Amino acid sequence: MLVVVSYDVSTKTASGKKRLRKVAEICLDNGLRVQNSVFECIVEPAQWESLKDQLLSIFKKEEDSLRFYFLGSNWQRRVEHHGKETNLNIEDLLII
């Protein structure tokens, strides 16, 4: 299934900057960055629960915001992109 993760982490403090880096790292480990704070993640249900738990354990609900959009397994019909195109496809093999 495709889950879109977006976040807004307060960076007013050093701990906020550290949280921001950690959230980005977790998202990068699980998906493709499509905008600065937006990731597309193709995950199985168990992977999703792990990803969500990791993110929720890091963010501070008084200062930060996390949003999850569930597009399901038939997501190709639900995503439309206009403008500057990235060369990466979320389903392509990515070797780092």
Protein backbone atom coordinates (compact mmCIF):
# COMPACT_ATOMS: atom_id res chain seq x y z
CA MET A 1 0.00 0.00 0.00
CA LEU A 2 1.10 3.57 -0.56
CA VAL A 3 1.21 5.89 2.43
CA VAL A 4 2.13 9.55 2.05
CA VAL A 5 3.87 10.91 5.15
CA SER A 6 4.18 14.66 5.67
CA TYR A 7 5.62 16.40 8.68
CA ASP A 8 6.30 19.77 10.18
CA VAL A 9 8.84 19.65 13.01
CA SER A 10 9.64 22.74 15.06
CA THR A 11 13.33 23.67 14.73
CA LYS A 12 13.41 26.50 17.28
CA THR A 13 15.62 24.44 19.58
CA ALA A 14 18.57 22.08 19.14
CA SER A 15 16.36 19.16 20.17
CA GLY A 16 13.84 20.16 17.49
CA LYS A 17 16.56 20.17 14.83
CA LYS A 18 17.63 16.72 16.02
CA ARG A 19 14.01 15.48 15.84
CA LEU A 20 13.70 16.85 12.31
CA ARG A 21 16.82 14.98 11.18
CA LYS A 22 15.61 11.76 12.85
CA VAL A 23 12.13 11.97 11.27
CA ALA A 24 13.70 12.57 7.85
CA GLU A 25 16.09 9.63 8.30
CA ILE A 26 13.27 7.27 9.24
CA CYS A 27 11.21 8.42 6.27
CA LEU A 28 14.20 8.05 3.92
CA ASP A 29 14.69 4.49 5.18
CA ASN A 30 11.09 3.67 4.27
CA GLY A 31 10.20 5.74 1.24
CA LEU A 32 10.99 8.29 -1.41
CA ARG A 33 11.21 12.03 -0.70
CA VAL A 34 8.89 13.80 -3.14
CA GLN A 35 9.04 17.24 -1.49
CA ASN A 36 11.06 18.62 1.43
CA SER A 37 8.84 17.19 4.16
CA VAL A 38 6.74 14.75 2.12
CA PHE A 39 7.52 11.09 1.51
CA GLU A 40 5.79 8.35 -0.46
CA CYS A 41 6.19 4.98 1.24
CA ILE A 42 5.16 1.65 -0.27
CA VAL A 43 4.83 -0.63 2.74
CA GLU A 44 3.17 -3.80 3.91
CA PRO A 45 0.78 -3.44 6.89
CA ALA A 46 3.39 -4.69 9.40
CA GLN A 47 6.02 -2.31 7.98
CA TRP A 48 3.52 0.53 8.21
CA GLU A 49 2.86 -0.16 11.90
CA SER A 50 6.60 -0.13 12.60
CA LEU A 51 7.14 3.10 10.63
CA LYS A 52 4.21 4.82 12.34
CA ASP A 53 5.38 3.71 15.80
CA GLN A 54 8.89 5.04 15.13
CA LEU A 55 7.61 8.42 13.97
CA LEU A 56 5.09 8.81 16.77
CA SER A 57 7.73 7.98 19.36
CA ILE A 58 9.95 10.84 18.15
CA PHE A 59 7.64 13.76 17.46
CA LYS A 60 6.33 16.14 20.14
CA LYS A 61 2.60 16.64 19.72
CA GLU A 62 2.79 20.08 21.36
CA GLU A 63 5.29 21.36 18.77
CA ASP A 64 5.23 19.13 15.70
CA SER A 65 2.75 17.78 13.18
CA LEU A 66 2.60 14.44 11.37
CA ARG A 67 0.07 13.61 8.64
CA PHE A 68 -0.50 10.23 7.01
CA TYR A 69 -2.46 9.75 3.78
CA PHE A 70 -3.42 6.19 2.88
CA LEU A 71 -3.72 5.68 -0.87
CA GLY A 72 -3.92 1.88 -0.76
CA SER A 73 -2.57 -0.65 -3.21
CA ASN A 74 -4.27 0.88 -6.27
CA TRP A 75 -2.55 4.22 -5.75
CA GLN A 76 -1.36 4.77 -9.35
CA ARG A 77 -4.82 6.00 -10.35
CA ARG A 78 -4.93 8.37 -7.38
CA VAL A 79 -1.66 10.23 -7.83
CA GLU A 80 -1.36 12.99 -10.39
CA HIS A 81 1.80 15.07 -10.74
CA HIS A 82 2.38 18.37 -12.54
CA GLY A 83 5.52 20.47 -12.75
CA LYS A 84 9.14 19.59 -12.19
CA GLU A 85 9.39 15.85 -12.50
CA THR A 86 11.77 13.75 -10.46
CA ASN A 87 13.53 10.94 -12.27
CA LEU A 88 12.77 8.43 -9.52
CA ASN A 89 9.84 6.06 -9.49
CA ILE A 90 8.84 4.83 -6.05
CA GLU A 91 8.54 1.27 -7.37
CA ASP A 92 11.96 1.24 -9.07
CA LEU A 93 14.89 -0.48 -7.42
CA LEU A 94 17.06 2.11 -5.69
CA ILE A 95 20.66 1.24 -4.87
CA ILE A 96 22.46 3.58 -2.51
